[in-house]
N, C-alpha and C. Protein backbone atom coordinates (compact mmCIF):
# COMPACT_ATOMS: atom_id res chain seq x y z
N MET A 1 209.63 163.38 -52.91
CA MET A 1 210.07 163.95 -52.02
C MET A 1 208.94 164.12 -51.08
N GLN A 2 208.68 163.32 -49.58
CA GLN A 2 207.62 163.76 -48.46
C GLN A 2 208.39 164.85 -47.83
N PRO A 3 208.17 165.62 -47.05
CA PRO A 3 208.64 166.11 -45.62
C PRO A 3 208.64 165.50 -44.31
N ALA A 4 209.54 165.48 -43.67
CA ALA A 4 209.42 164.62 -42.08
C ALA A 4 208.65 164.92 -41.77
N GLU A 5 208.31 163.60 -40.74
CA GLU A 5 206.72 163.62 -40.46
C GLU A 5 207.22 164.62 -39.28
N GLY A 6 205.75 165.47 -38.74
CA GLY A 6 205.80 166.40 -37.70
C GLY A 6 206.56 167.42 -38.46
N LEU A 7 206.87 167.65 -39.40
CA LEU A 7 208.21 168.92 -39.40
C LEU A 7 207.36 170.42 -39.71
N PHE A 8 206.27 170.04 -40.07
CA PHE A 8 205.12 171.36 -40.40
C PHE A 8 203.61 171.57 -39.13
N THR A 9 204.39 169.61 -38.53
CA THR A 9 202.81 170.14 -37.62
C THR A 9 202.90 170.09 -36.58
N ARG A 10 204.46 170.02 -35.86
CA ARG A 10 204.94 169.51 -34.93
C ARG A 10 204.21 170.25 -33.58
N GLN A 11 203.67 169.78 -32.77
CA GLN A 11 203.14 170.52 -31.41
C GLN A 11 204.07 170.69 -30.51
N LEU A 12 203.59 172.23 -30.13
CA LEU A 12 204.73 172.83 -29.42
C LEU A 12 204.30 172.45 -27.75
N PRO A 13 205.19 172.21 -26.82
CA PRO A 13 205.04 171.55 -24.81
C PRO A 13 203.27 172.63 -24.92
N GLY A 14 203.49 173.53 -25.01
CA GLY A 14 202.62 174.49 -24.11
C GLY A 14 200.90 174.16 -24.92
N ASP A 15 201.37 173.79 -25.96
CA ASP A 15 200.24 173.65 -26.85
C ASP A 15 199.03 172.79 -26.37
N ARG A 16 199.22 171.49 -25.32
CA ARG A 16 198.69 170.82 -25.35
C ARG A 16 197.29 171.15 -23.69
N TYR A 17 198.22 172.40 -23.34
CA TYR A 17 197.21 172.78 -22.48
C TYR A 17 196.32 173.58 -22.37
N ARG A 18 196.25 174.13 -24.05
CA ARG A 18 195.62 175.10 -24.46
C ARG A 18 194.22 175.22 -24.82
N GLU A 19 193.35 175.77 -24.54
CA GLU A 19 192.00 175.46 -25.17
C GLU A 19 191.71 176.51 -26.45
N GLN A 20 191.02 176.15 -27.30
CA GLN A 20 190.92 176.40 -28.76
C GLN A 20 190.39 177.97 -28.92
N THR A 21 189.95 178.30 -27.31
CA THR A 21 189.52 179.73 -27.51
C THR A 21 190.91 180.31 -27.01
N ASP A 22 191.88 180.16 -26.42
CA ASP A 22 192.85 180.91 -26.19
C ASP A 22 193.45 181.35 -27.31
N PRO A 23 193.72 182.96 -27.32
CA PRO A 23 193.73 183.59 -28.48
C PRO A 23 195.84 183.40 -28.96
N VAL A 24 195.59 183.41 -30.45
CA VAL A 24 197.42 182.87 -30.37
C VAL A 24 197.84 183.98 -31.35
N LEU A 25 196.23 184.90 -31.93
CA LEU A 25 196.84 185.92 -32.45
C LEU A 25 196.12 186.91 -32.03
N GLN A 26 196.19 188.00 -31.64
CA GLN A 26 195.33 189.51 -31.51
C GLN A 26 195.39 190.46 -31.87
N LEU A 27 194.93 190.83 -32.83
CA LEU A 27 194.74 192.51 -33.56
C LEU A 27 194.07 193.34 -32.62
N GLU A 28 194.83 194.11 -32.07
CA GLU A 28 194.23 195.18 -31.81
C GLU A 28 194.36 196.91 -32.14
N ALA A 29 192.94 197.26 -32.90
CA ALA A 29 192.74 198.49 -32.89
C ALA A 29 193.79 199.09 -34.13
N ILE A 30 194.16 197.94 -35.11
CA ILE A 30 195.23 198.54 -35.89
C ILE A 30 194.84 199.61 -37.02
N ASN A 31 195.77 200.61 -37.03
CA ASN A 31 195.65 201.49 -38.00
C ASN A 31 196.89 202.09 -38.78
N VAL A 32 196.20 201.81 -40.30
CA VAL A 32 197.69 202.19 -41.24
C VAL A 32 197.20 203.00 -42.16
N ASN A 33 198.13 204.46 -42.40
CA ASN A 33 197.62 205.19 -43.50
C ASN A 33 199.12 205.13 -44.42
N PHE A 34 198.76 205.60 -45.64
CA PHE A 34 199.65 205.70 -46.62
C PHE A 34 200.02 207.16 -47.57
N ASP A 35 200.02 208.05 -46.66
CA ASP A 35 199.96 209.69 -47.44
C ASP A 35 198.65 209.73 -47.72
N GLY A 36 198.08 209.57 -46.33
CA GLY A 36 196.89 210.42 -46.26
C GLY A 36 196.04 209.26 -46.50
N PHE A 37 195.90 208.16 -47.29
CA PHE A 37 194.80 207.34 -47.38
C PHE A 37 195.06 206.09 -46.39
N GLN A 38 193.96 206.42 -45.59
CA GLN A 38 193.56 205.12 -44.59
C GLN A 38 193.62 203.64 -45.36
N ALA A 39 194.08 202.71 -44.89
CA ALA A 39 194.42 201.48 -45.96
C ALA A 39 193.78 200.57 -44.53
N LEU A 40 194.46 200.88 -42.92
CA LEU A 40 193.56 199.92 -42.38
C LEU A 40 192.49 200.46 -41.33
N THR A 41 191.71 200.37 -40.40
CA THR A 41 191.33 201.61 -39.95
C THR A 41 190.12 200.88 -38.66
N ASP A 42 191.08 200.85 -37.42
CA ASP A 42 190.54 200.20 -36.12
C ASP A 42 190.84 198.97 -36.21
N LEU A 43 191.08 197.94 -36.93
CA LEU A 43 190.76 196.47 -36.99
C LEU A 43 191.51 195.73 -36.08
N SER A 44 190.38 194.97 -35.87
CA SER A 44 190.79 194.06 -34.49
C SER A 44 190.25 192.76 -34.88
N LEU A 45 191.29 191.32 -34.11
CA LEU A 45 190.87 190.39 -34.23
C LEU A 45 192.05 189.67 -33.55
N ASN A 46 190.64 188.31 -33.27
CA ASN A 46 191.10 187.13 -32.54
C ASN A 46 191.16 185.79 -33.37
N ILE A 47 192.68 185.49 -33.56
CA ILE A 47 192.42 183.94 -34.03
C ILE A 47 192.76 182.91 -32.68
N GLY A 48 192.00 182.04 -32.01
CA GLY A 48 192.16 181.04 -31.24
C GLY A 48 193.07 179.96 -31.95
N VAL A 49 193.76 178.89 -30.65
CA VAL A 49 194.54 178.13 -31.33
C VAL A 49 193.91 176.91 -32.16
N GLY A 50 194.47 176.27 -33.39
CA GLY A 50 193.72 175.55 -33.73
C GLY A 50 192.84 176.33 -34.90
N GLU A 51 192.21 177.45 -34.88
CA GLU A 51 191.28 178.02 -35.97
C GLU A 51 192.31 178.84 -37.02
N LEU A 52 191.50 177.94 -38.40
CA LEU A 52 191.66 178.45 -39.68
C LEU A 52 190.99 179.85 -40.01
N ARG A 53 191.45 181.31 -40.54
CA ARG A 53 190.19 182.31 -40.77
C ARG A 53 190.87 182.50 -42.21
N CYS A 54 190.37 183.17 -42.96
CA CYS A 54 190.30 183.25 -44.49
C CYS A 54 190.05 184.94 -44.50
N VAL A 55 191.13 185.57 -45.33
CA VAL A 55 190.68 186.98 -45.26
C VAL A 55 190.65 187.63 -46.95
N ILE A 56 189.25 187.44 -47.20
CA ILE A 56 188.79 187.91 -48.92
C ILE A 56 188.43 189.28 -48.88
N GLY A 57 188.64 189.90 -49.92
CA GLY A 57 188.04 191.21 -50.33
C GLY A 57 188.26 191.81 -51.80
N PRO A 58 187.89 193.14 -52.04
CA PRO A 58 188.62 193.33 -53.27
C PRO A 58 189.45 193.89 -53.21
N ASN A 59 190.02 194.10 -54.37
CA ASN A 59 191.46 194.82 -54.89
C ASN A 59 191.18 196.58 -53.41
N GLY A 60 192.73 195.90 -53.09
CA GLY A 60 192.39 197.81 -52.03
C GLY A 60 192.07 197.33 -51.07
N ALA A 61 191.07 196.82 -50.43
CA ALA A 61 190.60 196.07 -49.48
C ALA A 61 191.40 196.12 -47.71
N GLY A 62 192.75 195.95 -48.21
CA GLY A 62 194.01 196.26 -47.05
C GLY A 62 193.91 194.34 -46.97
N LYS A 63 193.86 193.30 -47.35
CA LYS A 63 194.13 192.25 -47.27
C LYS A 63 195.78 191.93 -46.70
N THR A 64 196.49 192.26 -48.33
CA THR A 64 198.06 192.52 -48.20
C THR A 64 198.01 193.46 -47.31
N THR A 65 197.94 194.75 -46.59
CA THR A 65 198.82 195.86 -45.63
C THR A 65 198.28 194.97 -44.31
N LEU A 66 197.14 193.98 -44.03
CA LEU A 66 197.00 193.08 -43.06
C LEU A 66 198.05 192.29 -42.80
N MET A 67 198.70 191.46 -44.29
CA MET A 67 199.79 190.41 -43.94
C MET A 67 200.95 191.36 -43.48
N ASP A 68 201.11 192.72 -44.03
CA ASP A 68 202.27 193.31 -43.92
C ASP A 68 202.98 193.52 -42.58
N VAL A 69 201.56 193.87 -41.94
CA VAL A 69 201.30 194.16 -40.66
C VAL A 69 202.10 193.23 -39.61
N ILE A 70 201.37 191.92 -39.90
CA ILE A 70 201.57 190.50 -39.15
C ILE A 70 202.81 190.72 -39.04
N THR A 71 203.78 190.64 -40.71
CA THR A 71 204.95 190.07 -40.69
C THR A 71 205.88 191.11 -40.45
N GLY A 72 205.93 192.01 -40.21
CA GLY A 72 206.32 193.01 -39.59
C GLY A 72 207.00 194.11 -41.15
N LYS A 73 206.53 193.96 -42.37
CA LYS A 73 206.83 194.51 -43.21
C LYS A 73 206.76 195.79 -43.43
N THR A 74 205.11 195.86 -42.62
CA THR A 74 204.90 197.43 -42.46
C THR A 74 204.45 197.95 -40.89
N ARG A 75 204.55 198.90 -40.62
CA ARG A 75 204.63 199.70 -38.98
C ARG A 75 203.13 200.30 -38.90
N PRO A 76 202.45 199.46 -37.99
CA PRO A 76 201.24 200.45 -38.35
C PRO A 76 200.82 202.02 -37.36
N LYS A 77 200.17 202.91 -37.72
CA LYS A 77 200.32 204.27 -36.69
C LYS A 77 199.84 203.84 -35.87
N SER A 78 198.74 203.00 -35.22
CA SER A 78 198.53 202.78 -33.67
C SER A 78 197.49 201.56 -33.96
N GLY A 79 197.97 200.82 -32.34
CA GLY A 79 197.24 199.21 -32.58
C GLY A 79 198.50 198.77 -32.20
N ARG A 80 198.04 197.21 -31.55
CA ARG A 80 199.41 196.24 -31.78
C ARG A 80 198.65 194.82 -32.30
N ALA A 81 199.55 193.60 -32.74
CA ALA A 81 199.81 192.55 -32.59
C ALA A 81 200.24 192.14 -32.18
N ILE A 82 199.38 191.39 -31.90
CA ILE A 82 199.90 190.01 -30.35
C ILE A 82 200.06 188.66 -30.72
N TYR A 83 201.70 188.15 -30.48
CA TYR A 83 201.22 186.76 -31.23
C TYR A 83 201.42 185.79 -29.69
N ASP A 84 200.89 184.52 -29.73
CA ASP A 84 200.73 183.71 -28.65
C ASP A 84 201.22 184.37 -26.94
N GLN A 85 199.87 185.61 -27.31
CA GLN A 85 199.63 186.15 -25.89
C GLN A 85 200.56 187.21 -25.16
N SER A 86 201.45 186.96 -25.55
CA SER A 86 202.63 187.76 -24.99
C SER A 86 203.73 188.66 -25.64
N ILE A 87 203.58 188.59 -27.26
CA ILE A 87 204.81 188.98 -28.22
C ILE A 87 204.12 189.89 -28.92
N ASP A 88 204.63 191.02 -28.75
CA ASP A 88 204.08 192.26 -29.50
C ASP A 88 204.91 192.21 -30.86
N LEU A 89 204.36 191.76 -32.37
CA LEU A 89 204.72 191.49 -33.23
C LEU A 89 205.36 193.26 -33.69
N THR A 90 204.46 194.34 -33.25
CA THR A 90 204.62 195.81 -34.06
C THR A 90 205.90 195.75 -33.48
N ALA A 91 206.48 195.37 -32.52
CA ALA A 91 207.71 195.94 -31.88
C ALA A 91 208.57 195.22 -32.29
N LEU A 92 208.67 194.40 -32.97
CA LEU A 92 209.72 193.22 -33.78
C LEU A 92 210.28 193.59 -34.91
N GLU A 93 211.61 193.44 -35.89
CA GLU A 93 211.61 193.21 -36.66
C GLU A 93 211.48 192.30 -37.60
N PRO A 94 210.91 192.08 -38.97
CA PRO A 94 210.81 190.87 -39.85
C PRO A 94 211.58 189.64 -39.74
N ALA A 95 212.63 189.44 -39.58
CA ALA A 95 213.14 188.66 -38.90
C ALA A 95 213.13 187.63 -37.49
N SER A 96 213.07 188.87 -36.96
CA SER A 96 212.25 188.04 -35.40
C SER A 96 211.31 187.65 -35.84
N ILE A 97 210.21 188.33 -36.38
CA ILE A 97 208.69 187.49 -36.61
C ILE A 97 208.95 186.58 -36.95
N ALA A 98 210.12 186.17 -38.45
CA ALA A 98 210.07 184.63 -39.04
C ALA A 98 210.73 183.61 -37.55
N ARG A 99 211.45 184.08 -36.83
CA ARG A 99 212.23 183.01 -35.95
C ARG A 99 211.09 182.43 -35.27
N GLN A 100 209.80 183.75 -35.21
CA GLN A 100 208.60 182.95 -34.33
C GLN A 100 207.34 182.31 -34.79
N GLY A 101 208.09 181.59 -35.79
CA GLY A 101 207.11 180.85 -36.94
C GLY A 101 206.36 181.38 -37.93
N ILE A 102 206.36 183.05 -37.56
CA ILE A 102 205.24 183.73 -38.65
C ILE A 102 205.85 184.12 -40.17
N GLY A 103 205.33 183.72 -41.39
CA GLY A 103 205.50 183.66 -42.29
C GLY A 103 204.66 184.21 -43.48
N ARG A 104 204.54 183.99 -44.48
CA ARG A 104 203.81 184.09 -45.97
C ARG A 104 204.40 184.05 -47.18
N LYS A 105 203.39 183.33 -48.00
CA LYS A 105 203.93 182.78 -49.06
C LYS A 105 203.21 183.22 -50.04
N PHE A 106 204.07 184.36 -51.15
CA PHE A 106 203.08 185.07 -52.04
C PHE A 106 202.66 184.35 -53.51
N GLN A 107 202.24 184.91 -54.34
CA GLN A 107 201.27 183.99 -55.32
C GLN A 107 201.87 184.02 -56.24
N LYS A 108 203.33 184.61 -56.40
CA LYS A 108 204.25 184.45 -57.62
C LYS A 108 205.12 184.30 -57.03
N PRO A 109 206.05 183.35 -57.87
CA PRO A 109 206.98 183.08 -57.32
C PRO A 109 208.42 184.28 -57.40
N THR A 110 208.88 184.32 -56.86
CA THR A 110 210.01 185.71 -56.82
C THR A 110 211.33 185.08 -56.02
N ARG A 111 212.23 186.08 -56.53
CA ARG A 111 213.30 185.41 -55.70
C ARG A 111 213.87 186.45 -54.48
N PHE A 112 214.23 185.86 -53.59
CA PHE A 112 214.69 187.16 -52.69
C PHE A 112 216.12 186.84 -52.20
């Protein structure tokens, strides 16, 4: 079964007026620590409209923690994650972030 045309690729009305350099996700000086272990230190990242980024690194590099911050599972000690130039993800609950269209896919199938 094929997904409905445009189901995952629909363009939002405002998208046609954006430049590719406009940030869709901005991470500003994100800091996360767990019981004294600094998992993320002053992490800043801008992702533009239509831009694809890959996060790679060894175990313990902070990849999962980064995704946890973006999806609301982990709150940073400081810093902000701004979506669509105005929505502070660090102030939202995970369900509200999901309603914005932000989610994740785990490697191992799990039930939730």
